[in-house]
Protein backbone atom coordinates (compact mmCIF):
# COMPACT_ATOMS: atom_id res chain seq x y z
CA MET A 1 90.11 -20.02 62.26
CA SER A 2 87.93 -19.85 65.93
CA LEU A 3 87.81 -22.51 68.19
CA PRO A 4 84.39 -22.96 67.70
CA SER A 5 85.38 -23.56 63.83
CA LEU A 6 87.84 -26.04 64.59
CA ALA A 7 85.59 -27.88 66.82
CA LEU A 8 83.16 -28.11 63.73
CA ASP A 9 85.07 -28.46 60.71
CA ALA A 10 88.35 -30.45 61.63
CA LEU A 11 88.68 -33.90 62.42
CA ARG A 12 89.95 -34.08 66.54
CA VAL A 13 90.96 -37.16 67.89
CA LEU A 14 90.35 -37.74 71.46
CA THR A 15 91.30 -40.09 73.61
CA LEU A 16 89.00 -41.33 76.74
CA GLY A 17 90.49 -43.96 78.56
CA ALA A 18 91.48 -46.98 76.64
CA LEU A 19 88.99 -45.69 73.98
CA THR A 20 90.52 -43.93 70.79
CA VAL A 21 87.79 -41.97 68.37
CA VAL A 22 87.47 -40.23 65.61
CA GLN A 23 85.66 -36.85 66.54
CA LYS A 24 83.60 -34.46 63.69
CA SER A 25 81.82 -31.94 65.94
CA ALA A 26 81.54 -30.52 69.26
CA THR A 27 77.92 -32.21 69.75
CA GLY A 28 79.77 -35.28 68.55
CA LEU A 29 81.96 -35.15 71.64
CA ILE A 30 79.18 -34.15 73.87
CA GLU A 31 76.89 -37.43 72.84
CA LEU A 32 80.26 -39.31 73.25
CA LEU A 33 81.01 -38.01 76.93
CA GLU A 34 76.71 -39.46 77.58
CA VAL A 35 77.55 -42.41 76.07
CA GLU A 36 80.25 -42.74 78.27
CA GLN A 37 78.95 -41.95 81.47
CA LYS A 38 75.71 -43.95 80.68
CA ASP A 39 78.05 -47.00 80.61
CA GLN A 40 79.76 -46.17 83.94
CA ILE A 41 76.75 -45.82 85.47
CA LEU A 42 75.81 -49.49 84.88
CA GLU A 43 79.80 -50.44 85.27
CA GLY A 44 79.80 -53.50 87.22
CA LEU A 45 75.82 -54.42 87.19
CA LYS A 46 73.88 -57.56 86.13
CA GLN A 47 72.62 -55.13 83.35
CA ASP A 48 69.59 -57.89 82.54
CA SER A 49 68.82 -57.97 86.06
CA GLY A 50 67.04 -54.67 86.65
CA ILE A 51 63.73 -54.19 88.31
CA GLY A 52 61.47 -50.77 87.47
CA LEU A 53 60.25 -49.60 90.56
CA ASN A 54 56.84 -47.80 89.70
CA PRO A 55 57.57 -43.90 88.52
CA GLU A 56 54.59 -42.96 90.50
CA LEU A 57 55.04 -44.99 93.82
CA ALA A 58 55.32 -42.34 96.13
CA ALA A 59 51.68 -41.04 95.09
CA SER A 60 50.30 -44.86 94.30
CA GLY A 61 51.81 -46.55 97.34
CA PRO A 62 50.70 -47.25 100.91
CA LYS A 63 49.65 -43.56 102.23
CA ALA A 64 52.46 -41.95 104.21
CA THR A 65 51.76 -40.21 107.43
CA LYS A 66 50.75 -36.75 107.44
CA ASP A 67 53.68 -34.53 107.71
CA VAL A 68 56.63 -37.24 108.61
CA VAL A 69 59.28 -35.63 110.23
CA PRO A 70 62.67 -37.01 111.91
CA THR A 71 61.99 -37.87 115.31
CA ASN A 72 63.78 -39.24 118.67
CA LEU A 73 66.80 -37.32 116.87
CA GLU A 74 70.32 -38.81 118.43
CA VAL A 75 73.72 -37.83 117.51
CA VAL A 76 75.49 -41.15 117.74
CA ALA A 77 78.96 -39.77 115.98
CA SER A 78 81.20 -37.54 114.01
CA TYR A 79 85.02 -37.51 112.94
CA ASN A 80 87.37 -35.15 110.86
CA TRP A 81 89.24 -36.83 108.02
CA THR A 82 92.82 -35.75 107.81
CA ASN A 83 95.50 -35.04 105.12
CA SER A 84 97.70 -38.26 106.05
CA ILE A 85 98.33 -40.13 103.23
CA THR A 86 96.98 -43.48 104.92
CA PRO A 87 93.72 -42.98 105.67
CA THR A 88 93.00 -41.60 109.24
CA ILE A 89 90.35 -40.15 110.58
CA ILE A 90 90.29 -38.00 114.30
CA VAL A 91 86.57 -39.19 116.49
CA PRO A 92 85.17 -37.31 117.72
CA GLY A 93 86.84 -34.58 115.88
CA LEU A 94 85.47 -31.14 115.92
CA PRO A 95 84.30 -29.09 112.69
CA ARG A 96 85.02 -25.91 111.52
CA VAL A 97 84.60 -23.07 114.00
CA TRP A 98 82.60 -20.01 112.65
CA LYS A 99 84.40 -16.88 113.31
CA GLY A 100 82.21 -14.33 113.23
CA ILE A 101 83.43 -12.03 111.22
CA LYS A 102 82.09 -8.30 110.15
CA THR A 103 80.78 -7.24 106.98
CA PRO A 104 81.58 -5.99 104.51
CA PHE A 105 84.80 -7.66 103.37
CA PHE A 106 86.22 -8.89 100.19
CA LEU A 107 86.85 -12.41 98.86
CA SER A 108 89.19 -14.15 96.00
CA SER A 109 87.49 -16.46 93.79
CA ASN A 110 87.97 -19.78 93.81
CA ASP A 111 91.21 -21.43 92.83
CA LYS A 112 89.98 -23.17 89.41
CA GLU A 113 93.29 -25.60 89.62
CA ARG A 114 92.73 -26.75 93.18
CA ILE A 115 91.23 -30.04 93.68
CA GLU A 116 87.80 -30.50 95.29
CA TYR A 117 86.05 -33.13 96.83
CA ILE A 118 82.93 -34.57 95.70
CA ASP A 119 82.67 -37.77 97.78
CA GLN A 120 86.03 -37.84 100.12
CA ASN A 121 84.89 -40.91 102.08
CA ARG A 122 85.07 -43.12 98.98
CA PHE A 123 88.12 -41.17 97.55
CA ARG A 124 90.22 -41.85 100.76
CA LEU A 125 88.51 -45.78 101.16
CA PRO A 126 87.10 -46.56 97.86
CA ASN A 127 86.11 -50.15 98.66
CA PHE A 128 84.89 -49.07 102.40
CA PRO A 129 83.64 -45.34 102.09
CA LEU A 130 81.11 -46.50 104.81
CA LEU A 131 83.98 -47.75 107.42
CA PRO A 132 84.65 -44.42 108.71
CA LEU A 133 80.61 -44.11 109.92
CA VAL A 134 80.50 -47.64 111.60
CA ALA A 135 84.45 -47.16 113.02
CA ALA A 136 83.49 -44.39 114.68
CA ILE A 137 80.46 -44.75 115.95
CA ASP A 138 82.18 -48.20 117.48
CA GLN A 139 84.46 -45.75 118.85
CA ILE A 140 82.57 -43.68 120.43
CA LYS A 141 79.71 -46.23 121.29
CA PRO A 142 80.97 -49.61 121.71
CA GLN A 143 77.63 -51.14 122.72
CA PHE A 144 75.40 -48.84 120.20
CA ASP A 145 72.71 -51.58 118.38
CA PHE A 146 73.50 -51.65 114.46
CA SER A 147 70.97 -54.16 114.32
CA SER A 148 68.23 -51.59 115.29
CA ILE A 149 68.90 -49.41 112.14
CA ASP A 150 66.63 -49.98 109.21
CA ILE A 151 68.76 -47.97 106.97
CA VAL A 152 72.33 -46.42 106.76
CA THR A 153 72.74 -44.00 104.48
CA ASP A 154 74.63 -40.61 103.43
CA ARG A 155 72.25 -37.68 103.08
CA ASN A 156 73.18 -36.89 99.63
CA ASN A 157 71.59 -40.23 98.47
CA LEU A 158 68.42 -38.73 100.09
CA GLN A 159 68.83 -36.00 98.56
CA LYS A 160 68.92 -37.59 94.99
CA LEU A 161 65.93 -39.50 95.72
CA MET A 162 63.97 -36.31 96.62
CA LYS A 163 65.19 -34.91 93.50
CA TRP A 164 63.67 -37.76 91.94
CA ILE A 165 60.22 -37.83 93.75
CA GLY A 166 60.21 -33.57 92.64
CA LYS A 167 61.32 -33.58 89.20
CA ARG A 168 60.59 -37.02 87.63
CA VAL A 169 59.44 -35.68 84.47
CA ASN A 170 62.64 -32.80 84.06
CA PRO A 171 64.95 -34.00 81.45
CA GLU A 172 67.17 -32.13 83.27
CA LEU A 173 67.73 -34.22 85.96
CA ASP A 174 71.31 -36.48 86.25
CA ASP A 175 71.47 -39.44 85.82
CA PHE A 176 72.71 -41.35 89.52
CA ARG A 177 73.25 -44.24 91.33
CA ILE A 178 72.77 -45.57 94.88
CA ASP A 179 74.91 -48.83 95.56
CA ILE A 180 72.92 -51.16 98.26
CA GLN A 181 73.73 -53.98 100.72
CA VAL A 182 71.67 -56.26 102.58
CA ILE A 183 72.63 -57.37 106.36
CA GLY A 184 69.47 -58.92 107.62
CA LYS A 185 67.22 -56.35 108.50
CA THR A 186 69.32 -53.37 107.68
CA VAL A 187 69.45 -52.06 103.93
CA LEU A 188 73.19 -50.03 103.55
CA PHE A 189 72.91 -47.44 101.15
CA VAL A 190 76.12 -46.55 99.82
CA ARG A 191 76.66 -43.36 97.94
CA TYR A 192 78.15 -43.92 94.18
CA GLU A 193 79.45 -40.70 91.42
CA LEU A 194 81.13 -40.94 88.17
CA ARG A 195 84.40 -39.03 90.06
CA ASN A 196 84.89 -38.35 93.62
CA THR A 197 86.88 -35.07 92.89
CA GLU A 198 87.09 -32.36 90.49
CA ARG A 199 89.32 -29.48 89.76
CA GLY A 200 87.44 -26.34 91.22
CA ARG A 201 84.18 -25.41 89.72
CA ARG A 202 83.41 -23.75 85.68
CA GLY A 203 82.74 -20.12 86.39
CA LYS A 204 83.62 -17.71 88.94
CA THR A 205 82.51 -18.98 92.73
CA PHE A 206 83.88 -17.84 96.09
CA ARG A 207 82.02 -20.52 97.87
CA LYS A 208 85.01 -22.31 98.83
CA ASN A 209 87.08 -18.83 99.89
CA PHE A 210 83.72 -18.11 101.94
CA ASP A 211 83.78 -21.27 104.17
CA GLU A 212 87.58 -20.62 104.91
CA TYR A 213 87.60 -17.12 105.01
CA LEU A 214 84.83 -17.03 107.74
CA SER A 215 85.86 -20.66 109.53
CA GLN A 216 88.77 -22.17 110.85
CA TYR A 217 89.54 -25.47 112.10
CA PRO A 218 90.38 -25.41 116.30
CA PRO A 219 94.13 -25.93 117.35
CA GLY A 220 95.11 -29.06 117.10
CA PHE A 221 93.02 -30.11 114.42
CA GLU A 222 94.55 -27.68 111.29
CA CYS A 223 95.15 -31.05 109.37
CA SER A 224 91.63 -31.78 109.02
CA THR A 225 90.16 -31.75 105.49
CA SER A 226 86.58 -32.25 106.41
CA ASN A 227 84.18 -33.19 109.45
CA HIS A 228 81.49 -35.42 108.93
CA ARG A 229 78.48 -36.10 111.58
CA ILE A 230 76.23 -39.20 111.85
CA ILE A 231 72.89 -38.96 113.27
CA ARG A 232 70.13 -41.29 114.31
CA TYR A 233 66.77 -40.93 113.98
CA ASP A 234 62.68 -41.99 113.15
CA TYR A 235 61.11 -40.72 110.20
CA GLY A 236 57.94 -42.03 109.85
CA GLY A 237 58.60 -45.42 111.34
CA ILE A 238 61.91 -46.14 109.64
CA GLN A 239 64.90 -46.09 111.65
CA MET A 240 67.82 -44.07 110.38
CA LEU A 241 71.33 -43.65 110.50
CA VAL A 242 72.67 -40.56 108.33
CA ARG A 243 75.95 -38.97 107.83
CA PHE A 244 76.23 -35.68 106.33
CA LYS A 245 79.71 -33.11 105.78
CA VAL A 246 79.52 -30.45 108.54
CA ASP A 247 80.20 -27.06 107.67
CA ALA A 248 81.03 -25.17 110.83
CA PHE A 249 79.75 -24.42 114.06
CA CYS A 250 79.25 -21.59 116.28
CA PRO A 251 80.09 -22.38 119.93
CA SER A 252 78.27 -20.84 123.08
CA ASP A 253 79.84 -17.65 124.57
CA GLY A 254 82.79 -18.76 126.40
CA GLU A 255 83.25 -21.80 124.84
CA THR A 256 86.82 -22.92 123.87
CA PHE A 257 87.29 -26.17 121.33
CA GLY A 258 90.94 -27.50 120.69
CA ALA A 259 93.59 -30.58 121.29
CA LYS A 260 94.72 -30.73 125.25
CA GLY A 261 98.55 -29.74 125.63
CA ASN A 262 101.01 -27.28 124.64
CA GLU A 263 99.05 -24.13 123.43
CA ASP A 264 101.75 -23.44 121.14
CA GLU A 265 101.75 -26.66 119.04
CA SER A 266 99.38 -28.49 116.99
CA LEU A 267 98.74 -31.93 118.50
CA VAL A 268 97.00 -33.18 115.41
CA ASP A 269 99.71 -32.32 112.11
CA ASN A 270 101.67 -34.25 109.32
CA ALA A 271 104.94 -34.21 112.26
CA THR A 272 103.07 -35.82 115.06
CA LEU A 273 100.05 -37.30 113.60
CA VAL A 274 100.43 -41.45 114.60
CA ALA A 275 102.40 -40.03 118.04
CA ALA A 276 100.49 -37.08 119.75
CA LEU A 277 97.27 -38.91 120.54
CA ARG A 278 96.00 -42.52 121.13
CA THR A 279 95.96 -43.99 117.79
CA ILE A 280 93.90 -47.18 116.99
CA SER A 281 93.30 -48.78 113.59
CA CYS A 282 90.69 -51.08 112.19
CA ASP A 283 91.53 -52.79 108.57
CA ASP A 284 93.31 -49.68 105.98
CA LEU A 285 91.81 -47.12 108.93
CA ASN A 286 93.61 -45.36 111.16
CA ILE A 287 91.59 -43.86 114.24
CA ILE A 288 93.04 -40.65 116.57
CA SER A 289 91.09 -40.51 119.77
CA GLY A 290 90.60 -36.63 120.20
CA GLY A 291 87.69 -34.04 119.62
CA THR A 292 84.49 -33.46 121.14
CA LEU A 293 80.74 -34.26 119.99
CA VAL A 294 79.45 -30.83 119.51
CA PRO A 295 75.47 -30.47 120.07
CA GLN A 296 73.70 -30.54 117.32
CA SER A 297 72.43 -26.82 117.79
CA GLN A 298 75.46 -25.46 117.08
CA ILE A 299 76.25 -26.85 113.66
CA ILE A 300 75.44 -24.35 110.76
CA LYS A 301 75.62 -24.77 106.87
CA LEU A 302 76.87 -22.24 104.84
CA HIS A 303 76.31 -20.75 101.64
CA THR A 304 76.78 -17.51 99.20
CA ARG A 305 75.34 -16.42 96.41
CA HIS A 306 75.30 -13.34 93.62
CA GLN A 307 73.40 -10.30 95.21
CA TRP A 308 71.90 -9.89 91.86
CA PRO A 309 68.98 -10.27 90.94
CA ALA A 310 67.65 -10.39 94.33
CA SER A 311 64.58 -11.70 93.46
CA LEU A 312 66.26 -15.10 92.80
CA GLY A 313 66.75 -15.56 96.71
CA LEU A 314 68.38 -18.56 98.03
CA ASP A 315 67.10 -21.75 96.20
CA TRP A 316 64.71 -23.22 99.17
CA ASP A 317 63.78 -26.00 96.96
CA LYS A 318 67.48 -27.21 96.74
CA TYR A 319 68.56 -26.62 100.42
CA TYR A 320 65.75 -27.20 102.39
CA PRO A 321 66.39 -30.79 101.89
CA GLN A 322 69.68 -30.38 103.15
CA ILE A 323 69.21 -28.73 106.07
CA PHE A 324 65.75 -31.10 106.95
CA LEU A 325 67.24 -34.37 106.27
CA SER A 326 70.46 -33.42 108.54
CA GLN A 327 68.68 -31.89 110.91
CA THR A 328 70.62 -28.54 110.71
CA HIS A 329 68.44 -25.64 112.59
CA ARG A 330 70.70 -22.73 111.39
CA LEU A 331 72.06 -21.58 107.79
CA LEU A 332 74.43 -18.79 106.96
CA LEU A 333 74.12 -17.24 103.52
CA GLY A 334 76.60 -14.70 102.32
CA THR A 335 75.64 -12.59 99.36
CA HIS A 336 78.08 -10.67 97.58
CA THR A 337 79.01 -8.47 94.00
CA GLN A 338 82.26 -9.71 92.49
CA GLY A 339 83.33 -11.14 95.44
CA ARG A 340 82.64 -8.25 98.33
CA ILE A 341 80.14 -9.93 100.65
CA ARG A 342 77.62 -7.55 101.52
CA ARG A 343 75.78 -8.98 103.99
CA ILE A 344 75.57 -12.50 105.80
CA ARG A 345 72.13 -13.47 106.38
CA GLU A 346 71.27 -16.15 109.40
CA TYR A 347 68.13 -18.24 109.13
CA THR A 348 66.87 -20.62 111.56
CA SER A 349 64.38 -23.70 111.48
CA GLY A 350 61.63 -21.14 113.47
CA ASP A 351 61.82 -18.71 110.87
CA ASP A 352 58.59 -18.12 108.77
CA ILE A 353 60.36 -18.53 105.10
CA VAL A 354 61.93 -21.88 106.76
CA HIS A 355 58.14 -22.93 107.53
CA LYS A 356 56.83 -21.85 104.13
CA GLN A 357 58.98 -24.28 102.44
CA LYS A 358 58.81 -26.81 104.67
CA GLY A 359 54.99 -26.57 103.83
CA LYS A 360 55.41 -26.56 99.72
CA GLN A 361 58.02 -29.14 100.39
CA GLN A 362 56.15 -32.02 103.04
CA HIS A 363 54.33 -33.86 100.14
CA GLU A 364 57.68 -34.58 98.62
CA LEU A 365 58.67 -35.52 102.08
CA ASP A 366 56.19 -37.83 102.88
CA LYS A 367 56.30 -39.61 99.60
CA LEU A 368 60.12 -39.59 100.55
CA CYS A 369 59.44 -42.19 103.59
CA VAL A 370 57.19 -44.19 101.51
CA LEU A 371 59.56 -44.41 98.67
CA LEU A 372 62.05 -45.37 101.45
CA LYS A 373 60.28 -48.19 102.77
CA ALA A 374 59.15 -49.68 98.89
CA ILE A 375 63.12 -49.66 98.47
CA ARG A 376 63.95 -51.48 101.53
CA LYS A 377 61.25 -54.20 101.26
CA GLU A 378 62.53 -54.92 97.61
CA ALA A 379 66.02 -54.94 98.51
CA ILE A 380 65.34 -57.40 101.60
CA SER A 381 63.35 -59.69 99.20
CA PHE A 382 66.62 -60.50 97.57
CA GLY A 383 67.59 -61.71 100.54
CA ASP A 384 71.12 -61.56 103.09
CA ARG A 385 74.20 -60.16 101.95
CA ALA A 386 72.56 -59.48 99.00
CA CYS A 387 74.59 -56.75 96.51
CA LEU A 388 72.32 -54.56 94.26
CA SER A 389 72.66 -50.89 92.93
CA LEU A 390 69.70 -47.98 92.45
CA VAL A 391 69.81 -46.35 89.21
CA TYR A 392 67.91 -43.82 87.43
CA ARG A 393 68.47 -43.14 84.15
CA ARG A 394 66.90 -39.84 81.84
CA GLU A 395 66.09 -42.09 79.42
CA THR A 396 63.63 -44.37 81.87
CA LYS A 397 62.57 -41.52 84.01
CA MET A 398 62.59 -44.52 86.37
CA LEU A 399 64.29 -46.35 89.32
CA GLU A 400 65.78 -49.54 88.70
CA LEU A 401 67.17 -52.21 90.96
CA PHE A 402 69.97 -54.23 89.63
CA GLU A 403 71.92 -57.11 91.33
CA ARG A 404 75.52 -56.20 91.30
CA TYR A 405 78.38 -58.19 91.09
CA SER A 406 80.93 -56.24 93.10
CA SER A 407 82.06 -57.03 97.03
CA ASN A 408 80.49 -56.47 99.90
CA ALA A 409 80.06 -52.29 101.63
CA LEU A 410 82.37 -53.82 104.32
CA PRO A 411 84.64 -55.92 105.74
CA ASP A 412 82.97 -59.41 107.01
CA GLU A 413 83.99 -58.46 110.42
CA TRP A 414 82.16 -55.08 110.32
CA MET A 415 78.95 -56.63 108.35
CA ALA A 416 78.72 -58.82 111.63
CA LYS A 417 78.01 -56.00 114.01
CA PHE A 418 75.00 -55.64 112.09
CA GLU A 419 73.94 -59.49 113.05
CA ASN A 420 75.79 -59.39 116.57
CA PRO A 421 75.33 -55.64 117.80
CA LYS A 422 76.67 -56.76 121.71
CA GLY A 423 79.96 -58.10 120.00
CA SER A 424 83.32 -56.34 121.53
CA SER A 425 85.04 -53.64 119.71
CA LEU A 426 86.48 -54.32 116.59
CA PHE A 427 89.53 -51.76 117.40
CA LYS A 428 92.82 -52.58 118.11
CA GLU A 429 94.80 -50.19 120.21
CA GLU A 430 98.33 -49.68 118.63
CA THR A 431 101.62 -50.63 120.56
CA GLU A 432 105.07 -50.11 120.52
């Protein structure tokens, strides 16, 4: 009997967490998983407290300034996560360096058994995923005025809101949730995922191996697992602090990067992680001082896709908001046929195709500004230290703001940085 027949005709006993269910069909299994996910996305929320935000809010609210774009860009901080068991970051760290390998070449498909991160910040610090962001800033700019910021967020949260704005009536738009914390006039957006890792990806893909083949961490940073960057900009009157993952960077001619010291040794590896560079700690996070804050103009976004059908090209509706919201000015796209990379095409912010996409999505980017202002205003109305969650569900096609039982997004002493911005650094240097 075939597997589909078994799925349709035989009783199957499925265990999901503590729940055991007798299931008759594959369709029933899908429905069960959808119910489980729906329940999970409301976990920890006061479910009778939901306030629906008008689904036409961005269109019916105050008019956005024409062509809202990030202005007054400032690169504030960056850090690398390491593979240490104890949560450890290197500040400011370094992204992977682009090798500039010539085409054509072959790649093997991604290992389906390899664990890949969806949200590494929450995976490594489940209680305080925003802590590395504020800690890295405090390390690099101790006098940074956190109270001047209106919204702190990961780029991923903004992308989800962009999808809601552009495809509100599309039933394929997945449910999502963004946790929110109010501190004075600042609103923290905390990324929320149903899971923080996944084992490979369905289907035959080459993206991860593309990145690893064409870029590498500089000497001394081989234990890094990711690089994250924090930028500040004015978005239509909103003072934004945005964190995003950097794929790689391309140094200027003649530049070299790496940890200072013996060239034959890695200064930041598993054996010398704590002793090699000055190490400081805060709460459950260790910080190693090392690396450099590379210029914004040198960071690049990497992507790969199958060459056929060529008419489809790059999904600019998906990728343009990524480079726009992170102000990444270079995107490198590798096209392949069964793993044979034939061409790597570079797109820059000055290209005609990028300008055309900007014009196509500018109305949605304007709406994002209006929506962010509305969310911030509504969140602040709940009062200082309010814990909330913004939830989208396909069944309602609305954004709903719920009160949340969960604890604060940051430890108390770090919350105070947003209220007393000129206070001293919270780092404690380790001593023998």
